[in-house]
């Protein structure tokens, strides 16, 4: 989901920009830049993920004027790269959508916050919760981090976007509930399925590409 028009009030636009820059700074600080420079496979995963997301985000459907929905895919990228690199890869994908005219440059920070940063942070939190619970079955990683992580992340992003639009006075709260929030479970199912299926395939064929997967924990 993303905002294809400038729908935010001036004050909320600046607040969103501040939050965007703060999270971007933390993401950049969390990246192990030396490891990225020396690991060709990680570089391929990073740039490949950015290009893949940029292509996937071209496929979207409009719901309300200025709003669009699409598959996020950020969960699987976060599990592949870690949340910091996932944020940077997602922002590179957003640059592609701006260049192709899918989203306006003025909404880059808002769309980056909703489409990239919130899903990446939610996925990271769920992954840390799963790791803290110390499950011994690798299906816990697939279902909690892959399937459910993706579904919850898209729900969190949807709620955040609706809160921003309501605070800006663009739509009434009842409009958002009737025309968007009540359909969130329908958005969560395909998001969870796509991300979970990709994570499952990677665990089977390329588990080394999932940098957040500690294979020693599972029996």
C-alpha atoms as a PDB file:
ATOM      1  CA  UNK A   1       0.000   0.000   0.000  1.00  0.00           C
ATOM      2  CA  UNK A   2       1.140   3.497  -0.669  1.00  0.00           C
ATOM      3  CA  UNK A   3       0.026   7.074  -1.163  1.00  0.00           C
ATOM      4  CA  UNK A   4       0.115   8.161  -4.789  1.00  0.00           C
ATOM      5  CA  UNK A   5      -0.858  11.783  -4.034  1.00  0.00           C
ATOM      6  CA  UNK A   6       0.189  14.325  -1.418  1.00  0.00           C
ATOM      7  CA  UNK A   7      -2.506  13.580   1.157  1.00  0.00           C
ATOM      8  CA  UNK A   8      -0.816  14.752   4.363  1.00  0.00           C
ATOM      9  CA  UNK A   9      -1.131  18.065   6.117  1.00  0.00           C
ATOM     10  CA  UNK A  10       2.013  20.199   6.295  1.00  0.00           C
ATOM     11  CA  UNK A  11       2.574  19.521   9.999  1.00  0.00           C
ATOM     12  CA  UNK A  12       2.138  15.769   9.655  1.00  0.00           C
ATOM     13  CA  UNK A  13       4.349  15.752   6.565  1.00  0.00           C
ATOM     14  CA  UNK A  14       7.211  17.256   8.582  1.00  0.00           C
ATOM     15  CA  UNK A  15       6.556  14.881  11.492  1.00  0.00           C
ATOM     16  CA  UNK A  16       6.625  11.928   9.116  1.00  0.00           C
ATOM     17  CA  UNK A  17       9.864  13.181   7.579  1.00  0.00           C
ATOM     18  CA  UNK A  18      11.463  13.449  11.025  1.00  0.00           C
ATOM     19  CA  UNK A  19      10.434   9.887  11.934  1.00  0.00           C
ATOM     20  CA  UNK A  20      11.651   8.664   8.550  1.00  0.00           C
ATOM     21  CA  UNK A  21      15.089  10.254   8.966  1.00  0.00           C
ATOM     22  CA  UNK A  22      15.444   8.973  12.537  1.00  0.00           C
ATOM     23  CA  UNK A  23      14.663   5.377  11.556  1.00  0.00           C
ATOM     24  CA  UNK A  24      16.866   5.662   8.476  1.00  0.00           C
ATOM     25  CA  UNK A  25      19.773   6.774  10.672  1.00  0.00           C
ATOM     26  CA  UNK A  26      19.245   3.818  13.025  1.00  0.00           C
ATOM     27  CA  UNK A  27      18.993   1.439  10.060  1.00  0.00           C
ATOM     28  CA  UNK A  28      22.254   2.728   8.587  1.00  0.00           C
ATOM     29  CA  UNK A  29      23.979   2.406  11.971  1.00  0.00           C
ATOM     30  CA  UNK A  30      22.814  -1.210  12.353  1.00  0.00           C
ATOM     31  CA  UNK A  31      24.315  -2.332   9.022  1.00  0.00           C
ATOM     32  CA  UNK A  32      27.654  -4.123   9.118  1.00  0.00           C
ATOM     33  CA  UNK A  33      29.157  -2.194   6.233  1.00  0.00           C
ATOM     34  CA  UNK A  34      32.484  -4.016   6.284  1.00  0.00           C
ATOM     35  CA  UNK A  35      30.727  -7.375   5.969  1.00  0.00           C
ATOM     36  CA  UNK A  36      28.577  -6.020   3.132  1.00  0.00           C
ATOM     37  CA  UNK A  37      31.612  -4.802   1.201  1.00  0.00           C
ATOM     38  CA  UNK A  38      33.423  -8.122   1.569  1.00  0.00           C
ATOM     39  CA  UNK A  39      30.486 -10.503   0.987  1.00  0.00           C
ATOM     40  CA  UNK A  40      29.564 -10.776  -2.691  1.00  0.00           C
ATOM     41  CA  UNK A  41      26.599 -13.058  -1.965  1.00  0.00           C
ATOM     42  CA  UNK A  42      25.167 -10.522   0.473  1.00  0.00           C
ATOM     43  CA  UNK A  43      25.614  -7.742  -2.088  1.00  0.00           C
ATOM     44  CA  UNK A  44      23.771  -9.824  -4.694  1.00  0.00           C
ATOM     45  CA  UNK A  45      20.956 -10.475  -2.218  1.00  0.00           C
ATOM     46  CA  UNK A  46      20.738  -6.777  -1.344  1.00  0.00           C
ATOM     47  CA  UNK A  47      20.593  -5.393  -4.876  1.00  0.00           C
ATOM     48  CA  UNK A  48      18.519  -8.328  -6.118  1.00  0.00           C
ATOM     49  CA  UNK A  49      15.946  -7.712  -3.391  1.00  0.00           C
ATOM     50  CA  UNK A  50      15.780  -4.000  -4.259  1.00  0.00           C
ATOM     51  CA  UNK A  51      15.193  -4.712  -7.948  1.00  0.00           C
ATOM     52  CA  UNK A  52      12.645  -7.457  -7.211  1.00  0.00           C
ATOM     53  CA  UNK A  53      10.669  -5.193  -4.857  1.00  0.00           C
ATOM     54  CA  UNK A  54      10.826  -2.351  -7.360  1.00  0.00           C
ATOM     55  CA  UNK A  55       9.290  -4.634  -9.967  1.00  0.00           C
ATOM     56  CA  UNK A  56       6.649  -6.132  -7.659  1.00  0.00           C
ATOM     57  CA  UNK A  57       5.538  -2.691  -6.488  1.00  0.00           C
ATOM     58  CA  UNK A  58       4.702  -1.727 -10.060  1.00  0.00           C
ATOM     59  CA  UNK A  59       1.780  -4.180  -9.806  1.00  0.00           C
ATOM     60  CA  UNK A  60      -0.870  -2.455  -7.704  1.00  0.00           C
ATOM     61  CA  UNK A  61      -4.551  -1.694  -7.435  1.00  0.00           C
ATOM     62  CA  UNK A  62      -6.250   1.569  -6.476  1.00  0.00           C
ATOM     63  CA  UNK A  63      -8.821   1.658  -3.675  1.00  0.00           C
ATOM     64  CA  UNK A  64      -9.451   5.302  -2.782  1.00  0.00           C
ATOM     65  CA  UNK A  65      -8.199   8.382  -4.670  1.00  0.00           C
ATOM     66  CA  UNK A  66      -4.505   8.714  -3.838  1.00  0.00           C
ATOM     67  CA  UNK A  67      -4.231   5.249  -2.261  1.00  0.00           C
ATOM     68  CA  UNK A  68      -2.966   1.992  -3.744  1.00  0.00           C
ATOM     69  CA  UNK A  69      -2.386  -1.544  -2.471  1.00  0.00           C
ATOM     70  CA  UNK A  70       0.317  -4.017  -3.459  1.00  0.00           C
ATOM     71  CA  UNK A  71       2.304  -6.910  -2.041  1.00  0.00           C
ATOM     72  CA  UNK A  72       4.996  -5.621   0.327  1.00  0.00           C
ATOM     73  CA  UNK A  73       7.564  -8.436   0.396  1.00  0.00           C
ATOM     74  CA  UNK A  74       9.528  -6.621   3.109  1.00  0.00           C
ATOM     75  CA  UNK A  75       9.235  -9.501   5.579  1.00  0.00           C
ATOM     76  CA  UNK A  76      11.224 -11.950   3.486  1.00  0.00           C
ATOM     77  CA  UNK A  77      13.808  -9.248   2.708  1.00  0.00           C
ATOM     78  CA  UNK A  78      14.166  -8.506   6.430  1.00  0.00           C
ATOM     79  CA  UNK A  79      14.710 -12.191   7.189  1.00  0.00           C
ATOM     80  CA  UNK A  80      17.255 -12.356   4.366  1.00  0.00           C
ATOM     81  CA  UNK A  81      19.262  -9.242   5.140  1.00  0.00           C
ATOM     82  CA  UNK A  82      18.387  -8.032   8.622  1.00  0.00           C
ATOM     83  CA  UNK A  83      16.167  -5.025   9.240  1.00  0.00           C
ATOM     84  CA  UNK A  84      18.780  -2.361   8.484  1.00  0.00           C
ATOM     85  CA  UNK A  85      19.675  -3.602   5.020  1.00  0.00           C
ATOM     86  CA  UNK A  86      16.017  -4.431   4.372  1.00  0.00           C
ATOM     87  CA  UNK A  87      15.108  -0.781   4.970  1.00  0.00           C
ATOM     88  CA  UNK A  88      17.818   0.394   2.574  1.00  0.00           C
ATOM     89  CA  UNK A  89      16.816  -2.165  -0.086  1.00  0.00           C
ATOM     90  CA  UNK A  90      13.184  -1.142   0.279  1.00  0.00           C
ATOM     91  CA  UNK A  91      14.054   2.526  -0.123  1.00  0.00           C
ATOM     92  CA  UNK A  92      16.006   1.723  -3.295  1.00  0.00           C
ATOM     93  CA  UNK A  93      12.870  -0.029  -4.555  1.00  0.00           C
ATOM     94  CA  UNK A  94      10.852   3.090  -3.701  1.00  0.00           C
ATOM     95  CA  UNK A  95      13.276   5.141  -5.792  1.00  0.00           C
ATOM     96  CA  UNK A  96      12.368   2.875  -8.716  1.00  0.00           C
ATOM     97  CA  UNK A  97       8.642   3.526  -8.161  1.00  0.00           C
ATOM     98  CA  UNK A  98       9.302   7.276  -8.089  1.00  0.00           C
ATOM     99  CA  UNK A  99      11.343   7.119 -11.301  1.00  0.00           C
ATOM    100  CA  UNK A 100       8.590   5.125 -13.039  1.00  0.00           C
ATOM    101  CA  UNK A 101       5.963   7.625 -11.864  1.00  0.00           C
ATOM    102  CA  UNK A 102       4.088   5.219  -9.607  1.00  0.00           C
ATOM    103  CA  UNK A 103       4.555   7.391  -6.524  1.00  0.00           C
ATOM    104  CA  UNK A 104       5.401  11.096  -6.119  1.00  0.00           C
ATOM    105  CA  UNK A 105       8.747  12.217  -4.740  1.00  0.00           C
ATOM    106  CA  UNK A 106       7.019  14.465  -2.194  1.00  0.00           C
ATOM    107  CA  UNK A 107       5.522  11.358  -0.526  1.00  0.00           C
ATOM    108  CA  UNK A 108       8.795   9.413  -0.443  1.00  0.00           C
ATOM    109  CA  UNK A 109       9.249   9.725   3.328  1.00  0.00           C
ATOM    110  CA  UNK A 110       5.628   8.847   4.117  1.00  0.00           C
ATOM    111  CA  UNK A 111       5.599   5.862   1.772  1.00  0.00           C
ATOM    112  CA  UNK A 112       9.004   4.789   3.016  1.00  0.00           C
ATOM    113  CA  UNK A 113       7.711   4.840   6.579  1.00  0.00           C
ATOM    114  CA  UNK A 114       4.523   2.895   5.763  1.00  0.00           C
ATOM    115  CA  UNK A 115       5.700   0.518   3.051  1.00  0.00           C
ATOM    116  CA  UNK A 116       9.242  -0.211   4.209  1.00  0.00           C
ATOM    117  CA  UNK A 117      10.124   0.817   7.736  1.00  0.00           C
ATOM    118  CA  UNK A 118       7.051  -0.241   9.715  1.00  0.00           C
ATOM    119  CA  UNK A 119       6.921  -3.746   8.121  1.00  0.00           C
ATOM    120  CA  UNK A 120      10.682  -4.209   8.604  1.00  0.00           C
ATOM    121  CA  UNK A 121      10.541  -3.187  12.278  1.00  0.00           C
ATOM    122  CA  UNK A 122       7.492  -5.371  12.972  1.00  0.00           C
ATOM    123  CA  UNK A 123       9.156  -8.344  11.285  1.00  0.00           C
ATOM    124  CA  UNK A 124      12.329  -7.729  13.275  1.00  0.00           C
ATOM    125  CA  UNK A 125      10.347  -7.622  16.530  1.00  0.00           C
ATOM    126  CA  UNK A 126       8.549 -10.889  15.730  1.00  0.00           C
ATOM    127  CA  UNK A 127      11.835 -12.535  14.732  1.00  0.00           C
ATOM    128  CA  UNK A 128      13.430 -11.472  18.039  1.00  0.00           C
ATOM    129  CA  UNK A 129      10.374 -12.785  19.918  1.00  0.00           C
ATOM    130  CA  UNK A 130      10.661 -16.142  18.133  1.00  0.00           C
ATOM    131  CA  UNK A 131      14.374 -16.269  18.933  1.00  0.00           C
ATOM    132  CA  UNK A 132      13.729 -15.383  22.576  1.00  0.00           C
ATOM    133  CA  UNK A 133      11.158 -18.189  22.869  1.00  0.00           C
ATOM    134  CA  UNK A 134      13.902 -20.565  21.689  1.00  0.00           C
ATOM    135  CA  UNK A 135      11.681 -22.868  19.657  1.00  0.00           C
ATOM    136  CA  UNK A 136      13.464 -26.043  18.610  1.00  0.00           C
ATOM    137  CA  UNK A 137      11.378 -26.706  15.489  1.00  0.00           C
ATOM    138  CA  UNK A 138      12.283 -24.793  12.338  1.00  0.00           C
ATOM    139  CA  UNK A 139       8.576 -24.554  11.453  1.00  0.00           C
ATOM    140  CA  UNK A 140       8.352 -21.898  14.172  1.00  0.00           C
ATOM    141  CA  UNK A 141      10.672 -19.693  12.110  1.00  0.00           C
ATOM    142  CA  UNK A 142       8.644 -20.283   8.950  1.00  0.00           C
ATOM    143  CA  UNK A 143       5.223 -19.682  10.458  1.00  0.00           C
ATOM    144  CA  UNK A 144       5.899 -17.016  13.069  1.00  0.00           C
ATOM    145  CA  UNK A 145       8.505 -14.999  11.166  1.00  0.00           C
ATOM    146  CA  UNK A 146       7.422 -15.747   7.601  1.00  0.00           C
ATOM    147  CA  UNK A 147       3.651 -16.231   7.435  1.00  0.00           C
ATOM    148  CA  UNK A 148       2.412 -14.454  10.555  1.00  0.00           C
ATOM    149  CA  UNK A 149       5.188 -11.852  10.548  1.00  0.00           C
ATOM    150  CA  UNK A 150       4.224 -10.725   7.066  1.00  0.00           C
ATOM    151  CA  UNK A 151       0.515 -10.596   7.868  1.00  0.00           C
ATOM    152  CA  UNK A 152       1.007  -8.627  11.070  1.00  0.00           C
ATOM    153  CA  UNK A 153       3.457  -6.254   9.413  1.00  0.00           C
ATOM    154  CA  UNK A 154       1.018  -5.338   6.637  1.00  0.00           C
ATOM    155  CA  UNK A 155      -1.729  -4.837   9.230  1.00  0.00           C
ATOM    156  CA  UNK A 156       0.521  -2.517  11.247  1.00  0.00           C
ATOM    157  CA  UNK A 157       1.411  -0.567   8.108  1.00  0.00           C
ATOM    158  CA  UNK A 158      -2.267  -0.270   7.151  1.00  0.00           C
ATOM    159  CA  UNK A 159      -3.261   0.999  10.572  1.00  0.00           C
ATOM    160  CA  UNK A 160      -0.396   3.500  10.514  1.00  0.00           C
ATOM    161  CA  UNK A 161      -1.394   4.819   7.098  1.00  0.00           C
ATOM    162  CA  UNK A 162      -5.025   5.165   8.128  1.00  0.00           C
ATOM    163  CA  UNK A 163      -3.986   7.027  11.277  1.00  0.00           C
ATOM    164  CA  UNK A 164      -1.915   9.427   9.179  1.00  0.00           C
ATOM    165  CA  UNK A 165      -4.782  10.061   6.760  1.00  0.00           C
ATOM    166  CA  UNK A 166      -7.288  10.531   9.582  1.00  0.00           C
ATOM    167  CA  UNK A 167      -4.961  12.917  11.443  1.00  0.00           C
ATOM    168  CA  UNK A 168      -4.548  14.930   8.228  1.00  0.00           C
ATOM    169  CA  UNK A 169      -8.325  15.189   7.827  1.00  0.00           C
ATOM    170  CA  UNK A 170      -8.279  13.574   4.382  1.00  0.00           C
ATOM    171  CA  UNK A 171     -10.839  10.902   5.252  1.00  0.00           C
ATOM    172  CA  UNK A 172     -13.272  10.482   8.107  1.00  0.00           C
ATOM    173  CA  UNK A 173     -12.516   7.637  10.493  1.00  0.00           C
ATOM    174  CA  UNK A 174     -15.772   5.900   9.522  1.00  0.00           C
ATOM    175  CA  UNK A 175     -14.735   6.060   5.847  1.00  0.00           C
ATOM    176  CA  UNK A 176     -11.409   4.437   6.611  1.00  0.00           C
ATOM    177  CA  UNK A 177     -13.024   1.696   8.667  1.00  0.00           C
ATOM    178  CA  UNK A 178     -15.694   1.004   6.075  1.00  0.00           C
ATOM    179  CA  UNK A 179     -13.518   1.230   2.978  1.00  0.00           C
ATOM    180  CA  UNK A 180     -10.131   0.036   4.205  1.00  0.00           C
ATOM    181  CA  UNK A 181      -9.591  -1.247   7.738  1.00  0.00           C
ATOM    182  CA  UNK A 182     -12.258  -3.932   7.573  1.00  0.00           C
ATOM    183  CA  UNK A 183     -10.503  -5.365   4.508  1.00  0.00           C
ATOM    184  CA  UNK A 184      -7.101  -5.581   6.197  1.00  0.00           C
ATOM    185  CA  UNK A 185      -7.476  -9.334   6.917  1.00  0.00           C
ATOM    186  CA  UNK A 186      -7.901  -9.857   3.168  1.00  0.00           C
ATOM    187  CA  UNK A 187      -4.601  -8.032   2.585  1.00  0.00           C
ATOM    188  CA  UNK A 188      -2.870 -10.003   5.332  1.00  0.00           C
ATOM    189  CA  UNK A 189      -3.612 -13.439   3.853  1.00  0.00           C
ATOM    190  CA  UNK A 190      -1.847 -13.036   0.475  1.00  0.00           C
ATOM    191  CA  UNK A 191       1.011 -11.119   2.098  1.00  0.00           C
ATOM    192  CA  UNK A 192       1.533 -13.915   4.589  1.00  0.00           C
ATOM    193  CA  UNK A 193       1.262 -16.612   1.929  1.00  0.00           C
ATOM    194  CA  UNK A 194       3.725 -15.010  -0.506  1.00  0.00           C
ATOM    195  CA  UNK A 195       6.349 -14.198   2.124  1.00  0.00           C
ATOM    196  CA  UNK A 196       5.920 -17.500   3.929  1.00  0.00           C
ATOM    197  CA  UNK A 197       6.234 -19.484   0.696  1.00  0.00           C
ATOM    198  CA  UNK A 198       9.421 -17.651  -0.294  1.00  0.00           C
ATOM    199  CA  UNK A 199      10.932 -18.119   3.180  1.00  0.00           C
ATOM    200  CA  UNK A 200      10.058 -21.832   3.064  1.00  0.00           C
ATOM    201  CA  UNK A 201      11.701 -22.221  -0.336  1.00  0.00           C
ATOM    202  CA  UNK A 202      14.821 -20.409   0.826  1.00  0.00           C
ATOM    203  CA  UNK A 203      15.067 -22.558   3.952  1.00  0.00           C
ATOM    204  CA  UNK A 204      14.977 -25.671   1.767  1.00  0.00           C
ATOM    205  CA  UNK A 205      17.279 -24.582  -1.054  1.00  0.00           C
ATOM    206  CA  UNK A 206      19.340 -21.611   0.181  1.00  0.00           C
ATOM    207  CA  UNK A 207      19.211 -21.379   4.003  1.00  0.00           C
ATOM    208  CA  UNK A 208      22.540 -19.546   3.952  1.00  0.00           C
ATOM    209  CA  UNK A 209      20.813 -16.552   2.322  1.00  0.00           C
ATOM    210  CA  UNK A 210      18.614 -16.068   5.404  1.00  0.00           C
ATOM    211  CA  UNK A 211      21.032 -14.156   7.606  1.00  0.00           C
ATOM    212  CA  UNK A 212      18.583 -14.109  10.536  1.00  0.00           C
ATOM    213  CA  UNK A 213      18.258 -17.924  10.551  1.00  0.00           C
ATOM    214  CA  UNK A 214      20.340 -19.704  13.190  1.00  0.00           C
ATOM    215  CA  UNK A 215      20.229 -23.312  11.992  1.00  0.00           C
ATOM    216  CA  UNK A 216      21.922 -24.558  15.183  1.00  0.00           C
ATOM    217  CA  UNK A 217      18.760 -23.818  17.196  1.00  0.00           C
ATOM    218  CA  UNK A 218      16.571 -26.238  15.303  1.00  0.00           C
ATOM    219  CA  UNK A 219      16.577 -30.020  15.458  1.00  0.00           C
END
